[in-house]
Amino acid sequence: MGPDFEWKTPEIREAEAQVDRSARAVRELAEKIDREGLPSIPAHNSEEIARQLAEEAGKPGASPELKAMKRKVDAGKFSWTDVVSGKAADDPDVRKAQETNMKKMKAAFKAFQEGATLEEVMQADAQGRKLNRDDDDGEGNIVLRDSSW
Protein backbone atom coordinates (compact mmCIF):
# COMPACT_ATOMS: atom_id res chain seq x y z
CA MET A 1 0.00 0.00 0.00
CA GLY A 2 1.57 3.28 -1.09
CA PRO A 3 1.35 6.72 0.52
CA ASP A 4 -1.68 7.59 -1.65
CA PHE A 5 -3.81 5.15 0.37
CA GLU A 6 -2.58 5.78 3.93
CA TRP A 7 -5.42 8.23 4.56
CA LYS A 8 -8.03 5.45 4.23
CA THR A 9 -9.58 4.39 7.49
CA PRO A 10 -10.41 0.73 8.19
CA GLU A 11 -14.08 1.62 7.59
CA ILE A 12 -13.32 3.01 4.14
CA ARG A 13 -11.25 -0.06 3.27
CA GLU A 14 -14.09 -2.35 4.40
CA ALA A 15 -16.61 -0.33 2.37
CA GLU A 16 -14.39 -0.66 -0.70
CA ALA A 17 -14.12 -4.40 -0.10
CA GLN A 18 -17.92 -4.63 0.13
CA VAL A 19 -18.28 -2.76 -3.15
CA ASP A 20 -15.78 -5.13 -4.75
CA ARG A 21 -17.67 -8.18 -3.44
CA SER A 22 -21.01 -6.77 -4.64
CA ALA A 23 -19.57 -5.99 -8.09
CA ARG A 24 -18.16 -9.52 -8.31
CA ALA A 25 -21.56 -11.00 -7.33
CA VAL A 26 -23.30 -8.89 -10.00
CA ARG A 27 -20.82 -10.04 -12.65
CA GLU A 28 -21.30 -13.68 -11.62
CA LEU A 29 -25.08 -13.31 -11.76
CA ALA A 30 -24.90 -11.64 -15.18
CA GLU A 31 -22.71 -14.49 -16.43
CA LYS A 32 -25.16 -17.07 -15.05
CA ILE A 33 -28.08 -15.32 -16.76
CA ASP A 34 -26.10 -15.26 -20.01
CA ARG A 35 -25.45 -19.01 -19.69
CA GLU A 36 -28.83 -20.18 -18.42
CA GLY A 37 -31.25 -17.39 -19.29
CA LEU A 38 -33.89 -15.92 -17.03
CA PRO A 39 -36.39 -18.23 -15.34
CA SER A 40 -39.77 -18.24 -16.99
CA ILE A 41 -42.61 -16.50 -15.23
CA PRO A 42 -45.88 -18.39 -15.35
CA ALA A 43 -48.47 -16.55 -17.40
CA HIS A 44 -51.68 -15.54 -15.69
CA ASN A 45 -54.97 -16.39 -17.30
CA SER A 46 -56.39 -12.93 -17.94
CA GLU A 47 -59.56 -14.38 -19.48
CA GLU A 48 -60.26 -16.34 -16.29
CA ILE A 49 -59.55 -13.29 -14.13
CA ALA A 50 -61.87 -11.21 -16.35
CA ARG A 51 -64.57 -13.88 -16.01
CA GLN A 52 -64.24 -13.87 -12.22
CA LEU A 53 -64.38 -10.08 -12.14
CA ALA A 54 -67.53 -10.05 -14.27
CA GLU A 55 -69.07 -12.67 -11.98
CA GLU A 56 -68.28 -10.60 -8.87
CA ALA A 57 -69.68 -7.46 -10.50
CA GLY A 58 -72.97 -9.25 -11.13
CA LYS A 59 -73.48 -10.17 -7.48
CA PRO A 60 -75.94 -8.15 -5.39
CA GLY A 61 -73.26 -7.24 -2.84
CA ALA A 62 -70.76 -5.92 -5.41
CA SER A 63 -68.97 -2.71 -4.47
CA PRO A 64 -70.20 0.56 -5.97
CA GLU A 65 -66.91 0.83 -7.89
CA LEU A 66 -67.37 -2.63 -9.40
CA LYS A 67 -70.98 -1.83 -10.28
CA ALA A 68 -69.87 1.38 -12.02
CA MET A 69 -67.36 -0.62 -14.08
CA LYS A 70 -70.07 -3.18 -14.92
CA ARG A 71 -72.34 -0.43 -16.25
CA LYS A 72 -69.54 0.73 -18.57
CA VAL A 73 -68.75 -2.83 -19.70
CA ASP A 74 -72.46 -3.40 -20.37
CA ALA A 75 -72.55 -0.13 -22.37
CA GLY A 76 -69.60 -1.35 -24.45
CA LYS A 77 -67.11 1.33 -23.32
CA PHE A 78 -64.56 -1.38 -22.50
CA SER A 79 -64.42 -5.08 -21.64
CA TRP A 80 -63.48 -6.93 -18.49
CA THR A 81 -60.38 -8.10 -20.35
CA ASP A 82 -59.52 -4.42 -20.95
CA VAL A 83 -59.78 -3.86 -17.18
CA VAL A 84 -57.55 -6.83 -16.37
CA SER A 85 -54.96 -6.00 -19.03
CA GLY A 86 -54.74 -2.35 -18.03
CA LYS A 87 -56.18 -0.99 -21.28
CA ALA A 88 -59.01 0.63 -19.28
CA ALA A 89 -56.69 2.03 -16.60
CA ASP A 90 -57.39 5.63 -17.61
CA ASP A 91 -61.09 5.29 -16.81
CA PRO A 92 -62.00 7.11 -13.57
CA ASP A 93 -64.18 4.24 -12.31
CA VAL A 94 -61.43 1.70 -12.92
CA ARG A 95 -58.93 3.93 -11.11
CA LYS A 96 -61.34 4.40 -8.20
CA ALA A 97 -61.80 0.62 -7.90
CA GLN A 98 -58.03 0.14 -7.95
CA GLU A 99 -57.58 2.78 -5.26
CA THR A 100 -60.23 1.11 -3.11
CA ASN A 101 -58.53 -2.26 -3.53
CA MET A 102 -55.15 -0.74 -2.66
CA LYS A 103 -56.60 0.70 0.57
CA LYS A 104 -57.97 -2.74 1.46
CA MET A 105 -54.62 -4.38 0.76
CA LYS A 106 -52.79 -1.83 2.91
CA ALA A 107 -55.27 -2.36 5.75
CA ALA A 108 -54.89 -6.14 5.49
CA PHE A 109 -51.09 -5.85 5.47
CA LYS A 110 -51.21 -3.64 8.57
CA ALA A 111 -53.52 -6.10 10.33
CA PHE A 112 -51.10 -8.95 9.50
CA GLN A 113 -48.20 -6.92 10.87
CA GLU A 114 -50.19 -6.41 14.05
CA GLY A 115 -50.76 -10.13 14.47
CA ALA A 116 -54.12 -10.77 12.80
CA THR A 117 -54.67 -14.16 11.25
CA LEU A 118 -55.73 -14.64 7.65
CA GLU A 119 -59.12 -15.82 8.89
CA GLU A 120 -59.62 -12.66 10.99
CA VAL A 121 -58.68 -10.38 8.11
CA MET A 122 -60.89 -12.23 5.63
CA GLN A 123 -63.83 -12.29 8.02
CA ALA A 124 -63.51 -8.57 8.77
CA ASP A 125 -63.27 -7.77 5.05
CA ALA A 126 -66.27 -9.94 4.18
CA GLN A 127 -68.31 -8.08 6.80
CA GLY A 128 -66.96 -4.66 5.79
CA ARG A 129 -65.20 -4.13 9.11
CA LYS A 130 -61.75 -2.99 10.14
CA LEU A 131 -59.51 -4.57 12.75
CA ASN A 132 -57.87 -2.37 15.38
CA ARG A 133 -55.04 -3.26 17.69
CA ASP A 134 -55.53 -2.78 21.44
CA ASP A 135 -53.17 -3.22 24.36
CA ASP A 136 -55.90 -4.02 26.91
CA ASP A 137 -53.75 -4.95 29.87
CA GLY A 138 -51.02 -2.36 29.39
CA GLU A 139 -48.41 -5.13 29.35
CA GLY A 140 -48.00 -5.51 25.62
CA ASN A 141 -50.52 -8.33 25.20
CA ILE A 142 -52.20 -7.35 21.95
CA VAL A 143 -55.85 -8.06 21.27
CA LEU A 144 -57.26 -7.46 17.81
CA ARG A 145 -60.63 -5.83 18.08
CA ASP A 146 -63.15 -5.10 15.42
CA SER A 147 -63.57 -1.33 15.10
CA SER A 148 -67.34 -1.73 15.32
CA TRP A 149 -67.06 -2.99 18.92
C-alpha atoms as a PDB file:
ATOM      1  CA  MET A   1       0.000   0.000   0.000  1.00  0.00           C
ATOM      2  CA  GLY A   2       1.567   3.282  -1.086  1.00  0.00           C
ATOM      3  CA  PRO A   3       1.351   6.720   0.517  1.00  0.00           C
ATOM      4  CA  ASP A   4      -1.678   7.585  -1.647  1.00  0.00           C
ATOM      5  CA  PHE A   5      -3.805   5.146   0.371  1.00  0.00           C
ATOM      6  CA  GLU A   6      -2.579   5.779   3.926  1.00  0.00           C
ATOM      7  CA  TRP A   7      -5.418   8.228   4.562  1.00  0.00           C
ATOM      8  CA  LYS A   8      -8.034   5.446   4.225  1.00  0.00           C
ATOM      9  CA  THR A   9      -9.577   4.387   7.488  1.00  0.00           C
ATOM     10  CA  PRO A  10     -10.413   0.728   8.191  1.00  0.00           C
ATOM     11  CA  GLU A  11     -14.084   1.616   7.585  1.00  0.00           C
ATOM     12  CA  ILE A  12     -13.321   3.008   4.142  1.00  0.00           C
ATOM     13  CA  ARG A  13     -11.253  -0.057   3.274  1.00  0.00           C
ATOM     14  CA  GLU A  14     -14.093  -2.346   4.398  1.00  0.00           C
ATOM     15  CA  ALA A  15     -16.611  -0.326   2.369  1.00  0.00           C
ATOM     16  CA  GLU A  16     -14.395  -0.660  -0.703  1.00  0.00           C
ATOM     17  CA  ALA A  17     -14.125  -4.398  -0.099  1.00  0.00           C
ATOM     18  CA  GLN A  18     -17.922  -4.633   0.132  1.00  0.00           C
ATOM     19  CA  VAL A  19     -18.279  -2.757  -3.154  1.00  0.00           C
ATOM     20  CA  ASP A  20     -15.782  -5.127  -4.755  1.00  0.00           C
ATOM     21  CA  ARG A  21     -17.675  -8.178  -3.435  1.00  0.00           C
ATOM     22  CA  SER A  22     -21.006  -6.775  -4.644  1.00  0.00           C
ATOM     23  CA  ALA A  23     -19.574  -5.989  -8.095  1.00  0.00           C
ATOM     24  CA  ARG A  24     -18.156  -9.522  -8.306  1.00  0.00           C
ATOM     25  CA  ALA A  25     -21.557 -10.996  -7.329  1.00  0.00           C
ATOM     26  CA  VAL A  26     -23.302  -8.894  -9.995  1.00  0.00           C
ATOM     27  CA  ARG A  27     -20.817 -10.039 -12.646  1.00  0.00           C
ATOM     28  CA  GLU A  28     -21.300 -13.685 -11.619  1.00  0.00           C
ATOM     29  CA  LEU A  29     -25.084 -13.310 -11.758  1.00  0.00           C
ATOM     30  CA  ALA A  30     -24.898 -11.643 -15.181  1.00  0.00           C
ATOM     31  CA  GLU A  31     -22.714 -14.492 -16.428  1.00  0.00           C
ATOM     32  CA  LYS A  32     -25.160 -17.068 -15.047  1.00  0.00           C
ATOM     33  CA  ILE A  33     -28.079 -15.315 -16.757  1.00  0.00           C
ATOM     34  CA  ASP A  34     -26.101 -15.256 -20.010  1.00  0.00           C
ATOM     35  CA  ARG A  35     -25.448 -19.010 -19.689  1.00  0.00           C
ATOM     36  CA  GLU A  36     -28.831 -20.177 -18.419  1.00  0.00           C
ATOM     37  CA  GLY A  37     -31.253 -17.390 -19.295  1.00  0.00           C
ATOM     38  CA  LEU A  38     -33.893 -15.919 -17.034  1.00  0.00           C
ATOM     39  CA  PRO A  39     -36.386 -18.227 -15.335  1.00  0.00           C
ATOM     40  CA  SER A  40     -39.767 -18.236 -16.993  1.00  0.00           C
ATOM     41  CA  ILE A  41     -42.613 -16.497 -15.233  1.00  0.00           C
ATOM     42  CA  PRO A  42     -45.882 -18.393 -15.351  1.00  0.00           C
ATOM     43  CA  ALA A  43     -48.474 -16.552 -17.397  1.00  0.00           C
ATOM     44  CA  HIS A  44     -51.682 -15.543 -15.695  1.00  0.00           C
ATOM     45  CA  ASN A  45     -54.968 -16.389 -17.304  1.00  0.00           C
ATOM     46  CA  SER A  46     -56.391 -12.932 -17.940  1.00  0.00           C
ATOM     47  CA  GLU A  47     -59.559 -14.379 -19.476  1.00  0.00           C
ATOM     48  CA  GLU A  48     -60.261 -16.339 -16.293  1.00  0.00           C
ATOM     49  CA  ILE A  49     -59.554 -13.292 -14.132  1.00  0.00           C
ATOM     50  CA  ALA A  50     -61.873 -11.212 -16.353  1.00  0.00           C
ATOM     51  CA  ARG A  51     -64.574 -13.881 -16.010  1.00  0.00           C
ATOM     52  CA  GLN A  52     -64.243 -13.873 -12.224  1.00  0.00           C
ATOM     53  CA  LEU A  53     -64.376 -10.080 -12.139  1.00  0.00           C
ATOM     54  CA  ALA A  54     -67.532 -10.054 -14.267  1.00  0.00           C
ATOM     55  CA  GLU A  55     -69.071 -12.665 -11.981  1.00  0.00           C
ATOM     56  CA  GLU A  56     -68.284 -10.598  -8.873  1.00  0.00           C
ATOM     57  CA  ALA A  57     -69.675  -7.456 -10.501  1.00  0.00           C
ATOM     58  CA  GLY A  58     -72.972  -9.249 -11.130  1.00  0.00           C
ATOM     59  CA  LYS A  59     -73.483 -10.173  -7.484  1.00  0.00           C
ATOM     60  CA  PRO A  60     -75.944  -8.150  -5.386  1.00  0.00           C
ATOM     61  CA  GLY A  61     -73.257  -7.238  -2.840  1.00  0.00           C
ATOM     62  CA  ALA A  62     -70.762  -5.919  -5.405  1.00  0.00           C
ATOM     63  CA  SER A  63     -68.968  -2.706  -4.469  1.00  0.00           C
ATOM     64  CA  PRO A  64     -70.202   0.561  -5.966  1.00  0.00           C
ATOM     65  CA  GLU A  65     -66.913   0.828  -7.889  1.00  0.00           C
ATOM     66  CA  LEU A  66     -67.371  -2.627  -9.400  1.00  0.00           C
ATOM     67  CA  LYS A  67     -70.984  -1.835 -10.282  1.00  0.00           C
ATOM     68  CA  ALA A  68     -69.866   1.380 -12.018  1.00  0.00           C
ATOM     69  CA  MET A  69     -67.358  -0.618 -14.081  1.00  0.00           C
ATOM     70  CA  LYS A  70     -70.067  -3.176 -14.918  1.00  0.00           C
ATOM     71  CA  ARG A  71     -72.336  -0.429 -16.253  1.00  0.00           C
ATOM     72  CA  LYS A  72     -69.538   0.728 -18.572  1.00  0.00           C
ATOM     73  CA  VAL A  73     -68.754  -2.828 -19.704  1.00  0.00           C
ATOM     74  CA  ASP A  74     -72.461  -3.397 -20.366  1.00  0.00           C
ATOM     75  CA  ALA A  75     -72.553  -0.130 -22.365  1.00  0.00           C
ATOM     76  CA  GLY A  76     -69.597  -1.346 -24.447  1.00  0.00           C
ATOM     77  CA  LYS A  77     -67.111   1.328 -23.322  1.00  0.00           C
ATOM     78  CA  PHE A  78     -64.555  -1.383 -22.503  1.00  0.00           C
ATOM     79  CA  SER A  79     -64.422  -5.082 -21.643  1.00  0.00           C
ATOM     80  CA  TRP A  80     -63.476  -6.928 -18.488  1.00  0.00           C
ATOM     81  CA  THR A  81     -60.384  -8.102 -20.352  1.00  0.00           C
ATOM     82  CA  ASP A  82     -59.521  -4.422 -20.946  1.00  0.00           C
ATOM     83  CA  VAL A  83     -59.783  -3.863 -17.179  1.00  0.00           C
ATOM     84  CA  VAL A  84     -57.552  -6.833 -16.374  1.00  0.00           C
ATOM     85  CA  SER A  85     -54.960  -6.004 -19.034  1.00  0.00           C
ATOM     86  CA  GLY A  86     -54.740  -2.353 -18.033  1.00  0.00           C
ATOM     87  CA  LYS A  87     -56.185  -0.988 -21.277  1.00  0.00           C
ATOM     88  CA  ALA A  88     -59.007   0.631 -19.281  1.00  0.00           C
ATOM     89  CA  ALA A  89     -56.687   2.029 -16.604  1.00  0.00           C
ATOM     90  CA  ASP A  90     -57.395   5.629 -17.606  1.00  0.00           C
ATOM     91  CA  ASP A  91     -61.087   5.288 -16.814  1.00  0.00           C
ATOM     92  CA  PRO A  92     -62.000   7.108 -13.567  1.00  0.00           C
ATOM     93  CA  ASP A  93     -64.177   4.241 -12.308  1.00  0.00           C
ATOM     94  CA  VAL A  94     -61.428   1.700 -12.924  1.00  0.00           C
ATOM     95  CA  ARG A  95     -58.930   3.933 -11.108  1.00  0.00           C
ATOM     96  CA  LYS A  96     -61.336   4.396  -8.196  1.00  0.00           C
ATOM     97  CA  ALA A  97     -61.799   0.621  -7.904  1.00  0.00           C
ATOM     98  CA  GLN A  98     -58.031   0.137  -7.950  1.00  0.00           C
ATOM     99  CA  GLU A  99     -57.576   2.781  -5.255  1.00  0.00           C
ATOM    100  CA  THR A 100     -60.229   1.115  -3.108  1.00  0.00           C
ATOM    101  CA  ASN A 101     -58.529  -2.264  -3.534  1.00  0.00           C
ATOM    102  CA  MET A 102     -55.154  -0.736  -2.662  1.00  0.00           C
ATOM    103  CA  LYS A 103     -56.598   0.695   0.567  1.00  0.00           C
ATOM    104  CA  LYS A 104     -57.969  -2.737   1.464  1.00  0.00           C
ATOM    105  CA  MET A 105     -54.621  -4.383   0.758  1.00  0.00           C
ATOM    106  CA  LYS A 106     -52.792  -1.827   2.909  1.00  0.00           C
ATOM    107  CA  ALA A 107     -55.270  -2.362   5.753  1.00  0.00           C
ATOM    108  CA  ALA A 108     -54.886  -6.140   5.493  1.00  0.00           C
ATOM    109  CA  PHE A 109     -51.092  -5.847   5.466  1.00  0.00           C
ATOM    110  CA  LYS A 110     -51.208  -3.637   8.565  1.00  0.00           C
ATOM    111  CA  ALA A 111     -53.517  -6.103  10.331  1.00  0.00           C
ATOM    112  CA  PHE A 112     -51.104  -8.951   9.499  1.00  0.00           C
ATOM    113  CA  GLN A 113     -48.199  -6.923  10.865  1.00  0.00           C
ATOM    114  CA  GLU A 114     -50.192  -6.409  14.050  1.00  0.00           C
ATOM    115  CA  GLY A 115     -50.764 -10.132  14.468  1.00  0.00           C
ATOM    116  CA  ALA A 116     -54.118 -10.768  12.801  1.00  0.00           C
ATOM    117  CA  THR A 117     -54.672 -14.158  11.253  1.00  0.00           C
ATOM    118  CA  LEU A 118     -55.732 -14.642   7.653  1.00  0.00           C
ATOM    119  CA  GLU A 119     -59.122 -15.823   8.893  1.00  0.00           C
ATOM    120  CA  GLU A 120     -59.617 -12.664  10.991  1.00  0.00           C
ATOM    121  CA  VAL A 121     -58.680 -10.382   8.106  1.00  0.00           C
ATOM    122  CA  MET A 122     -60.889 -12.230   5.632  1.00  0.00           C
ATOM    123  CA  GLN A 123     -63.831 -12.290   8.019  1.00  0.00           C
ATOM    124  CA  ALA A 124     -63.513  -8.573   8.770  1.00  0.00           C
ATOM    125  CA  ASP A 125     -63.267  -7.766   5.048  1.00  0.00           C
ATOM    126  CA  ALA A 126     -66.268  -9.942   4.185  1.00  0.00           C
ATOM    127  CA  GLN A 127     -68.306  -8.081   6.795  1.00  0.00           C
ATOM    128  CA  GLY A 128     -66.964  -4.664   5.793  1.00  0.00           C
ATOM    129  CA  ARG A 129     -65.201  -4.127   9.115  1.00  0.00           C
ATOM    130  CA  LYS A 130     -61.748  -2.987  10.137  1.00  0.00           C
ATOM    131  CA  LEU A 131     -59.507  -4.571  12.753  1.00  0.00           C
ATOM    132  CA  ASN A 132     -57.873  -2.370  15.381  1.00  0.00           C
ATOM    133  CA  ARG A 133     -55.037  -3.262  17.693  1.00  0.00           C
ATOM    134  CA  ASP A 134     -55.534  -2.779  21.439  1.00  0.00           C
ATOM    135  CA  ASP A 135     -53.170  -3.220  24.363  1.00  0.00           C
ATOM    136  CA  ASP A 136     -55.897  -4.019  26.910  1.00  0.00           C
ATOM    137  CA  ASP A 137     -53.752  -4.953  29.872  1.00  0.00           C
ATOM    138  CA  GLY A 138     -51.016  -2.361  29.387  1.00  0.00           C
ATOM    139  CA  GLU A 139     -48.410  -5.126  29.355  1.00  0.00           C
ATOM    140  CA  GLY A 140     -48.000  -5.514  25.622  1.00  0.00           C
ATOM    141  CA  ASN A 141     -50.521  -8.330  25.205  1.00  0.00           C
ATOM    142  CA  ILE A 142     -52.198  -7.355  21.953  1.00  0.00           C
ATOM    143  CA  VAL A 143     -55.845  -8.063  21.267  1.00  0.00           C
ATOM    144  CA  LEU A 144     -57.261  -7.461  17.812  1.00  0.00           C
ATOM    145  CA  ARG A 145     -60.630  -5.828  18.083  1.00  0.00           C
ATOM    146  CA  ASP A 146     -63.147  -5.104  15.423  1.00  0.00           C
ATOM    147  CA  SER A 147     -63.566  -1.332  15.098  1.00  0.00           C
ATOM    148  CA  SER A 148     -67.339  -1.735  15.319  1.00  0.00           C
ATOM    149  CA  TRP A 149     -67.063  -2.986  18.919  1.00  0.00           C
END
